[in-house]
N, C-alpha and C. Protein backbone atom coordinates (compact mmCIF):
# COMPACT_ATOMS: atom_id res chain seq x y z
N ASN A 1 120.59 101.20 84.52
CA ASN A 1 119.35 101.91 83.96
C ASN A 1 118.15 101.46 84.88
N GLU A 2 117.31 102.43 85.17
CA GLU A 2 116.08 102.08 85.92
C GLU A 2 114.86 102.06 85.05
N LEU A 3 114.02 101.16 85.26
CA LEU A 3 112.80 101.05 84.46
C LEU A 3 111.68 101.93 85.25
N VAL A 4 111.16 102.92 84.52
CA VAL A 4 110.22 103.82 85.08
C VAL A 4 108.91 103.69 84.24
N GLU A 5 107.74 103.38 84.94
CA GLU A 5 106.55 103.31 84.24
C GLU A 5 105.87 104.77 84.36
N ILE A 6 105.29 105.13 83.20
CA ILE A 6 104.67 106.42 83.09
C ILE A 6 103.14 106.01 82.79
N GLU A 7 102.30 106.47 83.59
CA GLU A 7 100.84 106.18 83.41
C GLU A 7 100.17 107.45 82.91
N ASN A 8 99.59 107.36 81.76
CA ASN A 8 98.74 108.44 81.16
C ASN A 8 97.46 107.81 80.62
N THR A 9 96.37 107.99 81.56
CA THR A 9 95.13 107.46 81.27
C THR A 9 94.10 108.54 81.51
N ASN A 10 93.39 108.85 80.49
CA ASN A 10 92.27 109.68 80.51
C ASN A 10 92.63 111.12 81.09
N GLY A 11 93.75 111.67 80.60
CA GLY A 11 94.07 112.99 81.00
C GLY A 11 94.89 113.23 82.26
N ILE A 12 95.47 112.24 82.82
CA ILE A 12 96.38 112.30 83.97
C ILE A 12 97.71 111.65 83.78
N LEU A 13 98.72 112.22 84.07
CA LEU A 13 99.98 111.64 84.03
C LEU A 13 100.72 111.67 85.31
N ILE A 14 101.14 110.54 85.83
CA ILE A 14 101.90 110.44 86.99
C ILE A 14 103.22 109.77 86.72
N TYR A 15 104.31 110.27 87.21
CA TYR A 15 105.71 109.75 86.94
C TYR A 15 106.60 110.15 87.98
N PRO A 16 107.75 109.53 88.19
CA PRO A 16 107.95 108.05 87.89
C PRO A 16 107.09 107.16 88.77
N ASN A 17 106.92 106.08 88.26
CA ASN A 17 106.13 105.09 88.91
C ASN A 17 106.68 103.63 88.66
N PRO A 18 107.54 103.09 89.53
CA PRO A 18 107.70 103.39 90.92
C PRO A 18 108.53 104.70 91.10
N ALA A 19 108.24 105.29 92.35
CA ALA A 19 108.79 106.55 92.68
C ALA A 19 109.70 106.41 93.89
N ARG A 20 110.64 107.32 94.11
CA ARG A 20 111.49 107.34 95.25
C ARG A 20 111.11 108.41 96.24
N ASN A 21 111.24 109.68 95.82
CA ASN A 21 111.07 110.78 96.79
C ASN A 21 110.10 111.81 96.27
N ILE A 22 110.04 111.93 94.92
CA ILE A 22 109.14 112.91 94.27
C ILE A 22 108.25 112.19 93.29
N LEU A 23 106.96 112.55 93.33
CA LEU A 23 105.99 112.13 92.35
C LEU A 23 105.39 113.27 91.54
N ASN A 24 105.56 113.22 90.26
CA ASN A 24 105.03 114.27 89.37
C ASN A 24 103.65 113.93 88.97
N LEU A 25 102.81 114.99 88.92
CA LEU A 25 101.44 114.84 88.57
C LEU A 25 101.07 115.95 87.45
N ASN A 26 100.67 115.52 86.32
CA ASN A 26 100.06 116.56 85.28
C ASN A 26 98.70 116.12 84.88
N ILE A 27 97.91 117.14 84.88
CA ILE A 27 96.61 117.04 84.35
C ILE A 27 96.38 117.67 82.94
N ALA A 28 95.83 117.01 81.90
CA ALA A 28 95.84 117.41 80.54
C ALA A 28 94.93 118.65 80.44
N VAL A 29 93.89 118.73 81.11
CA VAL A 29 92.92 119.90 80.90
C VAL A 29 92.49 120.35 82.30
N GLY A 30 92.41 121.70 82.47
CA GLY A 30 91.95 122.20 83.78
C GLY A 30 92.98 122.28 84.73
N LEU A 31 92.56 122.70 85.99
CA LEU A 31 93.51 122.85 87.05
C LEU A 31 93.15 121.88 88.20
N ILE A 32 94.22 121.49 88.98
CA ILE A 32 93.95 120.61 90.13
C ILE A 32 93.58 121.46 91.28
N ASP A 33 92.41 121.09 91.95
CA ASP A 33 91.94 121.78 93.29
C ASP A 33 92.64 121.21 94.34
N TRP A 34 92.63 119.93 94.56
CA TRP A 34 93.13 119.11 95.77
C TRP A 34 93.93 117.94 95.22
N ILE A 35 94.97 117.55 95.99
CA ILE A 35 95.74 116.34 95.78
C ILE A 35 95.70 115.57 97.19
N GLU A 36 95.31 114.23 97.03
CA GLU A 36 95.31 113.49 98.21
C GLU A 36 96.00 112.10 98.00
N ILE A 37 96.77 111.65 98.95
CA ILE A 37 97.31 110.46 98.91
C ILE A 37 96.84 109.52 99.97
N TYR A 38 96.41 108.24 99.61
CA TYR A 38 95.79 107.35 100.42
C TYR A 38 96.57 105.99 100.37
N SER A 39 96.58 105.31 101.56
CA SER A 39 97.11 103.94 101.68
C SER A 39 96.20 102.92 101.03
N LEU A 40 96.67 101.77 100.93
CA LEU A 40 95.71 100.79 100.34
C LEU A 40 94.51 100.44 101.13
N THR A 41 94.59 100.74 102.35
CA THR A 41 93.43 100.52 103.35
C THR A 41 92.57 101.75 103.44
N GLY A 42 92.89 102.88 102.64
CA GLY A 42 91.91 103.90 102.60
C GLY A 42 92.28 105.16 103.58
N GLN A 43 93.34 104.93 104.22
CA GLN A 43 93.82 106.05 105.11
C GLN A 43 94.36 107.26 104.43
N LEU A 44 93.80 108.45 104.74
CA LEU A 44 94.37 109.64 104.08
C LEU A 44 95.71 109.94 104.73
N LEU A 45 96.79 109.99 103.83
CA LEU A 45 98.04 110.22 104.39
C LEU A 45 98.57 111.72 104.04
N HIS A 46 98.17 112.22 102.95
CA HIS A 46 98.59 113.58 102.58
C HIS A 46 97.51 114.33 101.82
N LYS A 47 97.26 115.58 101.98
CA LYS A 47 96.31 116.37 101.36
C LYS A 47 96.92 117.71 101.12
N THR A 48 96.78 118.21 99.95
CA THR A 48 97.34 119.52 99.59
C THR A 48 96.45 120.28 98.65
N GLU A 49 96.26 121.61 98.74
CA GLU A 49 95.60 122.37 97.91
C GLU A 49 96.44 122.80 96.65
N SER A 50 95.83 122.91 95.46
CA SER A 50 96.60 123.37 94.32
C SER A 50 95.76 124.21 93.51
N ASN A 51 96.36 125.00 92.48
CA ASN A 51 95.62 125.71 91.61
C ASN A 51 96.40 125.63 90.26
N LYS A 52 97.15 124.61 89.99
CA LYS A 52 97.92 124.34 88.86
C LYS A 52 97.59 123.01 87.99
N SER A 53 98.10 122.92 86.88
CA SER A 53 97.81 121.60 86.15
C SER A 53 99.02 120.70 86.41
N GLN A 54 100.10 121.04 87.01
CA GLN A 54 101.33 120.21 87.27
C GLN A 54 101.74 120.39 88.72
N GLU A 55 102.08 119.43 89.37
CA GLU A 55 102.54 119.43 90.76
C GLU A 55 103.61 118.41 90.88
N GLN A 56 104.57 118.72 91.79
CA GLN A 56 105.55 117.78 92.29
C GLN A 56 105.16 117.59 93.79
N ILE A 57 104.99 116.25 94.18
CA ILE A 57 104.66 115.92 95.42
C ILE A 57 105.84 115.16 96.27
N ASP A 58 106.27 115.77 97.35
CA ASP A 58 107.28 115.18 98.11
C ASP A 58 106.74 113.85 98.80
N ILE A 59 107.20 112.72 98.43
CA ILE A 59 106.67 111.50 99.04
C ILE A 59 107.81 110.81 99.88
N SER A 60 108.85 111.49 100.15
CA SER A 60 109.94 111.01 100.98
C SER A 60 109.71 110.42 102.32
N GLY A 61 108.57 110.79 102.87
CA GLY A 61 108.25 110.33 104.20
C GLY A 61 107.35 109.15 104.16
N LEU A 62 106.95 108.68 102.89
CA LEU A 62 106.10 107.35 102.88
C LEU A 62 107.07 106.20 102.75
N PRO A 63 106.73 105.19 103.47
CA PRO A 63 107.54 103.96 103.43
C PRO A 63 107.24 103.13 102.04
N ASN A 64 108.14 102.17 101.76
CA ASN A 64 107.83 101.43 100.63
C ASN A 64 106.44 100.85 100.52
N GLY A 65 105.82 100.80 99.42
CA GLY A 65 104.50 100.21 99.37
C GLY A 65 103.71 100.73 98.21
N ASN A 66 102.44 100.36 98.18
CA ASN A 66 101.46 100.72 97.20
C ASN A 66 100.59 101.80 97.69
N TYR A 67 100.27 102.86 96.95
CA TYR A 67 99.44 103.85 97.36
C TYR A 67 98.46 104.35 96.31
N PHE A 68 97.57 105.21 96.53
CA PHE A 68 96.60 105.80 95.59
C PHE A 68 96.68 107.25 95.77
N ILE A 69 96.85 107.93 94.48
CA ILE A 69 96.78 109.39 94.53
C ILE A 69 95.54 109.79 93.76
N ARG A 70 94.83 110.73 94.38
CA ARG A 70 93.58 111.41 93.93
C ARG A 70 93.74 112.81 93.68
N ALA A 71 93.49 113.18 92.43
CA ALA A 71 93.59 114.58 91.91
C ALA A 71 92.18 114.96 91.74
N ILE A 72 91.70 116.03 92.49
CA ILE A 72 90.29 116.50 92.38
C ILE A 72 90.43 117.84 91.65
N CYS A 73 89.60 117.76 90.56
CA CYS A 73 89.55 119.03 89.63
C CYS A 73 88.15 119.50 89.54
N ARG A 74 87.89 120.55 88.88
CA ARG A 74 86.63 121.15 89.02
C ARG A 74 85.61 120.13 88.17
N ASP A 75 86.00 119.67 87.04
CA ASP A 75 85.14 118.78 86.31
C ASP A 75 85.41 117.25 86.31
N ALA A 76 86.35 116.85 87.17
CA ALA A 76 86.81 115.40 87.24
C ALA A 76 87.55 115.06 88.33
N VAL A 77 87.50 113.88 88.72
CA VAL A 77 88.38 113.30 89.87
C VAL A 77 89.09 112.04 89.29
N PHE A 78 90.41 112.13 89.38
CA PHE A 78 91.43 111.09 88.96
C PHE A 78 91.96 110.36 90.07
N VAL A 79 91.89 109.05 89.96
CA VAL A 79 92.55 108.24 90.96
C VAL A 79 93.55 107.25 90.36
N ARG A 80 94.77 107.17 90.78
CA ARG A 80 95.76 106.32 90.21
C ARG A 80 96.54 105.62 91.24
N LYS A 81 97.00 104.42 91.08
CA LYS A 81 97.94 103.78 91.90
C LYS A 81 99.33 104.07 91.59
N PHE A 82 100.13 104.19 92.66
CA PHE A 82 101.59 104.32 92.47
C PHE A 82 102.37 103.50 93.52
N VAL A 83 103.57 103.36 93.28
CA VAL A 83 104.41 102.54 94.10
C VAL A 83 105.62 103.35 94.67
N VAL A 84 105.95 103.19 95.88
CA VAL A 84 107.12 103.95 96.57
C VAL A 84 108.23 102.75 96.72
N VAL A 85 109.38 102.99 96.15
CA VAL A 85 110.52 102.01 96.44
C VAL A 85 111.67 102.80 96.79
N ARG A 86 112.57 102.39 97.62
CA ARG A 86 113.78 103.04 98.02
C ARG A 86 115.01 102.18 97.80
């Protein structure tokens, strides 16, 4: 059995965390305009446009490590840390 952390803070849910190939992102209210993934040093690694409240992001190209996901919505910006493990 694998331990999977689910982080739900202030209207955003990301799972699984740690993740392997897919990261799920749900926003409780509103729609996501942009999704960005950053390295711990602040390098933008992925950016995609959205118009949904739920997204699946393919992270299979990211090496093991810690990252930040940033979800930009009309009325809020959410930033959460996640981990990639293989």
